[in-house]
Amino acid sequence: MHSMRRKAPSKVSIIKMEQKELKEEYGNLCKKHGLPKFEQLDGEFEIRAIELNRSGILIKAILRAMTNKLGMFMNYIEPVISAPPQNLHALIEMRNLSENDRSGMFEFYKEISVLLHENISTELKTEKEIAQQIKKIYKAWPDIKKKEIIFLDKITSAWKKREENPTVKAEYSG
């Protein structure tokens, strides 16, 4: 006998179905809590990458995506404000930035550290409180992003400065 098999859905069609489901679920959260439009939040935090079947509660997954982005920003700046011993990369960046630049980076680091810790704490709270934190981060995001770009540009410029071989001038710290 000849059996009829159903053709398995393609990966593209599965992704489209998941995206539709994600947007629908987000739409419900958006209406309930007055969150930014999906496209706005996705443009900054790539929430379309959230896999509903693996990420648990959507609103918490969105907050985690925001937290991850803040953590990434912190990771770029931390070595410049506090170079680990024997880290040539950070040493070059520190030595080629002014004290004023490093001080500004430190203040920014503290600012995003507060937000990161608030996010971690808020994830343990109610859906309403999580939504409020998402809105808070989203509102602050243009300023955060602007500062991050400025500091990353300064770090990049530090690499363009010509200096002596830093390993010759570096102090022993072993």
Protein backbone atom coordinates (compact mmCIF):
# COMPACT_ATOMS: atom_id res chain seq x y z
CA MET A 1 0.00 0.00 0.00
CA HIS A 2 1.05 3.51 -0.67
CA SER A 3 0.95 5.68 2.45
CA MET A 4 0.46 9.41 2.36
CA ARG A 5 2.96 11.31 4.44
CA ARG A 6 2.54 14.86 5.47
CA LYS A 7 5.39 17.06 4.49
CA ALA A 8 7.18 18.43 7.55
CA PRO A 9 7.07 22.20 7.86
CA SER A 10 10.21 23.94 6.68
CA LYS A 11 12.48 25.70 9.13
CA VAL A 12 11.46 29.04 7.61
CA SER A 13 7.76 28.34 8.16
CA ILE A 14 8.43 27.25 11.75
CA ILE A 15 10.35 30.47 12.40
CA LYS A 16 7.52 32.52 10.90
CA MET A 17 4.99 30.72 13.10
CA GLU A 18 7.15 31.32 16.19
CA GLN A 19 7.56 34.99 15.28
CA LYS A 20 3.81 35.36 14.86
CA GLU A 21 3.21 33.72 18.25
CA LEU A 22 5.87 35.92 19.87
CA LYS A 23 4.35 39.09 18.42
CA GLU A 24 0.86 38.05 19.51
CA GLU A 25 1.97 37.31 23.07
CA TYR A 26 3.94 40.55 23.19
CA GLY A 27 0.92 42.42 21.83
CA ASN A 28 -1.11 41.17 24.80
CA LEU A 29 1.59 42.36 27.22
CA CYS A 30 1.83 45.65 25.39
CA LYS A 31 -1.91 46.31 25.74
CA LYS A 32 -1.95 45.24 29.38
CA HIS A 33 1.08 47.26 30.52
CA GLY A 34 1.58 50.03 27.94
CA LEU A 35 4.92 48.68 26.74
CA PRO A 36 6.71 50.08 23.66
CA LYS A 37 5.76 48.66 20.28
CA PHE A 38 7.34 45.31 19.41
CA GLU A 39 9.39 46.82 16.58
CA GLN A 40 10.80 49.54 18.83
CA LEU A 41 11.91 47.13 21.53
CA ASP A 42 13.15 44.63 18.96
CA GLY A 43 15.20 47.32 17.22
CA GLU A 44 17.19 47.93 20.38
CA PHE A 45 17.14 44.58 22.20
CA GLU A 46 16.52 42.01 19.44
CA ILE A 47 13.61 40.43 21.26
CA ARG A 48 12.65 38.51 18.11
CA ALA A 49 15.46 36.13 19.10
CA ILE A 50 13.47 35.05 22.16
CA GLU A 51 12.28 31.48 21.75
CA LEU A 52 9.03 31.15 23.66
CA ASN A 53 9.36 27.41 24.13
CA ARG A 54 12.81 27.83 25.72
CA SER A 55 12.67 31.20 27.44
CA GLY A 56 9.92 30.73 29.97
CA ILE A 57 7.77 33.76 30.72
CA LEU A 58 8.01 36.29 27.88
CA ILE A 59 8.06 39.46 29.98
CA LYS A 60 10.93 38.04 32.05
CA ALA A 61 12.78 36.99 28.91
CA ILE A 62 12.49 40.56 27.58
CA LEU A 63 13.92 41.95 30.80
CA ARG A 64 16.77 39.40 30.58
CA ALA A 65 17.51 40.56 27.00
CA MET A 66 17.78 44.12 28.29
CA THR A 67 19.94 42.98 31.21
CA ASN A 68 22.25 41.13 28.82
CA LYS A 69 22.72 44.27 26.74
CA LEU A 70 23.56 46.31 29.85
CA GLY A 71 26.01 43.61 30.94
CA MET A 72 27.65 43.67 27.53
CA PHE A 73 28.15 47.44 27.83
CA MET A 74 29.68 46.98 31.29
CA ASN A 75 32.06 44.33 29.95
CA TYR A 76 33.41 46.73 27.33
CA ILE A 77 34.13 49.46 29.86
CA GLU A 78 35.26 47.57 32.95
CA PRO A 79 38.82 46.74 31.77
CA VAL A 80 39.41 50.39 30.91
CA ILE A 81 38.49 51.68 34.36
CA SER A 82 40.16 48.83 36.23
CA ALA A 83 42.74 47.04 34.12
CA PRO A 84 43.48 43.52 35.34
CA PRO A 85 47.18 42.82 35.94
CA GLN A 86 48.99 41.36 32.95
CA ASN A 87 46.24 42.42 30.52
CA LEU A 88 48.03 44.17 27.70
CA HIS A 89 44.81 45.04 25.88
CA ALA A 90 43.35 46.89 28.87
CA LEU A 91 46.71 48.48 29.70
CA ILE A 92 46.94 50.08 26.28
CA GLU A 93 43.40 51.40 26.54
CA MET A 94 43.93 52.77 30.06
CA ARG A 95 47.20 54.47 29.19
CA ASN A 96 45.80 56.16 26.11
CA LEU A 97 42.70 57.62 27.74
CA SER A 98 42.67 60.69 29.95
CA GLU A 99 41.84 60.52 33.64
CA ASN A 100 38.75 62.58 32.83
CA ASP A 101 37.60 60.01 30.22
CA ARG A 102 38.16 57.12 32.63
CA SER A 103 36.31 59.00 35.37
CA GLY A 104 33.34 59.55 33.04
CA MET A 105 33.41 55.88 32.11
CA PHE A 106 33.41 54.93 35.78
CA GLU A 107 30.34 57.07 36.47
CA PHE A 108 28.59 55.51 33.45
CA TYR A 109 29.64 52.05 34.66
CA LYS A 110 28.01 52.73 38.02
CA GLU A 111 24.85 54.02 36.31
CA ILE A 112 24.38 50.89 34.23
CA SER A 113 25.39 48.68 37.17
CA VAL A 114 22.47 50.08 39.16
CA LEU A 115 20.10 49.32 36.28
CA LEU A 116 21.51 45.82 35.85
CA HIS A 117 21.03 45.01 39.54
CA GLU A 118 17.54 46.52 39.52
CA ASN A 119 16.70 44.27 36.56
CA ILE A 120 17.93 41.16 38.35
CA SER A 121 15.90 42.03 41.44
CA THR A 122 12.83 43.03 39.44
CA GLU A 123 12.75 39.70 37.60
CA LEU A 124 11.73 38.15 40.92
CA LYS A 125 8.78 40.52 41.32
CA THR A 126 5.33 40.84 39.76
CA GLU A 127 4.55 41.11 36.06
CA LYS A 128 3.45 44.72 36.61
CA GLU A 129 6.78 45.62 38.26
CA ILE A 130 8.71 43.90 35.48
CA ALA A 131 6.74 45.89 32.89
CA GLN A 132 7.53 49.12 34.75
CA GLN A 133 11.25 48.25 34.72
CA ILE A 134 11.15 47.48 31.00
CA LYS A 135 9.58 50.89 30.37
CA LYS A 136 12.17 52.56 32.62
CA ILE A 137 15.09 50.96 30.76
CA TYR A 138 13.54 51.69 27.37
CA LYS A 139 13.03 55.35 28.30
CA ALA A 140 16.66 55.67 29.49
CA TRP A 141 18.03 53.68 26.54
CA PRO A 142 18.71 56.54 24.08
CA ASP A 143 20.94 58.27 26.67
CA ILE A 144 22.64 55.00 27.66
CA LYS A 145 23.33 54.13 24.03
CA LYS A 146 24.63 57.62 23.27
CA LYS A 147 27.10 57.47 26.17
CA GLU A 148 28.21 53.96 25.24
CA ILE A 149 28.93 55.07 21.67
CA ILE A 150 30.95 58.04 22.93
CA PHE A 151 33.01 55.84 25.25
CA LEU A 152 33.54 53.11 22.66
CA ASP A 153 34.69 55.75 20.16
CA LYS A 154 37.20 57.03 22.76
CA ILE A 155 38.46 53.49 23.34
CA THR A 156 38.81 52.98 19.60
CA SER A 157 40.72 56.26 19.31
CA ALA A 158 43.04 55.10 22.10
CA TRP A 159 44.11 52.27 19.84
CA LYS A 160 44.94 54.69 17.05
CA LYS A 161 47.43 56.61 19.21
CA ARG A 162 51.05 55.77 18.67
CA GLU A 163 52.99 54.84 21.76
CA GLU A 164 56.04 52.93 22.79
CA ASN A 165 55.79 49.21 23.31
CA PRO A 166 53.76 49.07 26.56
CA THR A 167 55.39 45.82 27.67
CA VAL A 168 58.70 47.67 28.00
CA LYS A 169 57.16 50.47 30.07
CA ALA A 170 54.75 48.31 32.08
CA GLU A 171 55.53 47.77 35.71
CA TYR A 172 55.92 44.27 37.04
CA SER A 173 52.73 43.14 38.76
CA GLY A 174 53.30 39.43 39.29
